[in-house]
């Protein structure tokens, strides 16, 4: 969706990043073991959510200006 430049893409990327972080936390609660990949995947989710925020901010501001 990002390659197609759809306006919803940054918001979906943010949701995927947050979802990945939640998934890792729940997985750690359930299995109670820490692997090298848990912090790595959590960090990837955090990076995805953080970069999508700056990517989607102009779109959000544009939507807000049209509605307000």
C-alpha atoms as a PDB file:
ATOM      1  CA  UNK A   1       0.000   0.000   0.000  1.00  0.00           C
ATOM      2  CA  UNK A   2       2.922   2.293   0.635  1.00  0.00           C
ATOM      3  CA  UNK A   3       4.313   1.632  -2.838  1.00  0.00           C
ATOM      4  CA  UNK A   4       0.900   2.451  -4.285  1.00  0.00           C
ATOM      5  CA  UNK A   5       0.937   5.672  -2.216  1.00  0.00           C
ATOM      6  CA  UNK A   6      -2.433   5.013  -0.633  1.00  0.00           C
ATOM      7  CA  UNK A   7      -3.261   7.594   2.036  1.00  0.00           C
ATOM      8  CA  UNK A   8      -4.228   4.918   4.568  1.00  0.00           C
ATOM      9  CA  UNK A   9      -0.822   3.164   4.341  1.00  0.00           C
ATOM     10  CA  UNK A  10       0.934   4.994   7.227  1.00  0.00           C
ATOM     11  CA  UNK A  11      -1.967   4.292   9.573  1.00  0.00           C
ATOM     12  CA  UNK A  12      -1.980   0.610   8.691  1.00  0.00           C
ATOM     13  CA  UNK A  13       1.801   0.477   9.143  1.00  0.00           C
ATOM     14  CA  UNK A  14       1.371   2.013  12.595  1.00  0.00           C
ATOM     15  CA  UNK A  15      -1.271  -0.584  13.478  1.00  0.00           C
ATOM     16  CA  UNK A  16       1.002  -3.406  12.307  1.00  0.00           C
ATOM     17  CA  UNK A  17       3.907  -2.066  14.402  1.00  0.00           C
ATOM     18  CA  UNK A  18       1.746  -1.740  17.529  1.00  0.00           C
ATOM     19  CA  UNK A  19       0.244  -5.162  16.877  1.00  0.00           C
ATOM     20  CA  UNK A  20       3.687  -6.721  16.600  1.00  0.00           C
ATOM     21  CA  UNK A  21       4.780  -5.182  19.906  1.00  0.00           C
ATOM     22  CA  UNK A  22       1.611  -6.427  21.632  1.00  0.00           C
ATOM     23  CA  UNK A  23       2.150  -9.874  20.119  1.00  0.00           C
ATOM     24  CA  UNK A  24       5.696 -10.085  21.528  1.00  0.00           C
ATOM     25  CA  UNK A  25       4.604  -8.981  25.008  1.00  0.00           C
ATOM     26  CA  UNK A  26       1.777 -11.531  25.074  1.00  0.00           C
ATOM     27  CA  UNK A  27       4.102 -14.234  23.760  1.00  0.00           C
ATOM     28  CA  UNK A  28       6.598 -13.499  26.537  1.00  0.00           C
ATOM     29  CA  UNK A  29       3.828 -13.670  29.136  1.00  0.00           C
ATOM     30  CA  UNK A  30       2.661 -17.032  27.809  1.00  0.00           C
ATOM     31  CA  UNK A  31       5.963 -18.845  27.221  1.00  0.00           C
ATOM     32  CA  UNK A  32       7.979 -17.135  29.992  1.00  0.00           C
ATOM     33  CA  UNK A  33      11.269 -17.474  28.094  1.00  0.00           C
ATOM     34  CA  UNK A  34      13.302 -14.741  26.472  1.00  0.00           C
ATOM     35  CA  UNK A  35      14.982 -15.330  23.138  1.00  0.00           C
ATOM     36  CA  UNK A  36      17.244 -13.081  21.120  1.00  0.00           C
ATOM     37  CA  UNK A  37      14.416 -12.631  18.628  1.00  0.00           C
ATOM     38  CA  UNK A  38      11.904 -11.207  21.119  1.00  0.00           C
ATOM     39  CA  UNK A  39      13.651  -7.862  21.674  1.00  0.00           C
ATOM     40  CA  UNK A  40      14.628  -7.801  18.006  1.00  0.00           C
ATOM     41  CA  UNK A  41      11.020  -8.206  16.813  1.00  0.00           C
ATOM     42  CA  UNK A  42       9.782  -5.758  19.451  1.00  0.00           C
ATOM     43  CA  UNK A  43      12.357  -3.231  18.220  1.00  0.00           C
ATOM     44  CA  UNK A  44      11.271  -3.728  14.619  1.00  0.00           C
ATOM     45  CA  UNK A  45       7.654  -3.129  15.637  1.00  0.00           C
ATOM     46  CA  UNK A  46       8.671  -0.020  17.565  1.00  0.00           C
ATOM     47  CA  UNK A  47      10.677   1.298  14.616  1.00  0.00           C
ATOM     48  CA  UNK A  48       7.779   0.624  12.265  1.00  0.00           C
ATOM     49  CA  UNK A  49       5.317   2.439  14.519  1.00  0.00           C
ATOM     50  CA  UNK A  50       7.694   5.372  15.054  1.00  0.00           C
ATOM     51  CA  UNK A  51       8.544   5.880  11.381  1.00  0.00           C
ATOM     52  CA  UNK A  52       4.934   5.519  10.291  1.00  0.00           C
ATOM     53  CA  UNK A  53       3.974   8.270  12.725  1.00  0.00           C
ATOM     54  CA  UNK A  54       6.239  10.791  11.018  1.00  0.00           C
ATOM     55  CA  UNK A  55       5.204   9.445   7.610  1.00  0.00           C
ATOM     56  CA  UNK A  56       1.477   9.767   8.321  1.00  0.00           C
ATOM     57  CA  UNK A  57       1.474  13.067  10.194  1.00  0.00           C
ATOM     58  CA  UNK A  58       1.062  15.276   7.086  1.00  0.00           C
ATOM     59  CA  UNK A  59      -1.843  13.086   5.931  1.00  0.00           C
ATOM     60  CA  UNK A  60      -3.478  13.349   9.346  1.00  0.00           C
ATOM     61  CA  UNK A  61      -3.046  17.135   9.368  1.00  0.00           C
ATOM     62  CA  UNK A  62      -4.608  17.333   5.893  1.00  0.00           C
ATOM     63  CA  UNK A  63      -7.620  15.285   6.963  1.00  0.00           C
ATOM     64  CA  UNK A  64      -8.024  17.394  10.063  1.00  0.00           C
ATOM     65  CA  UNK A  65      -7.918  20.634   8.070  1.00  0.00           C
ATOM     66  CA  UNK A  66     -10.606  19.408   5.683  1.00  0.00           C
ATOM     67  CA  UNK A  67     -12.933  18.318   8.499  1.00  0.00           C
ATOM     68  CA  UNK A  68     -12.289  21.259  10.806  1.00  0.00           C
END
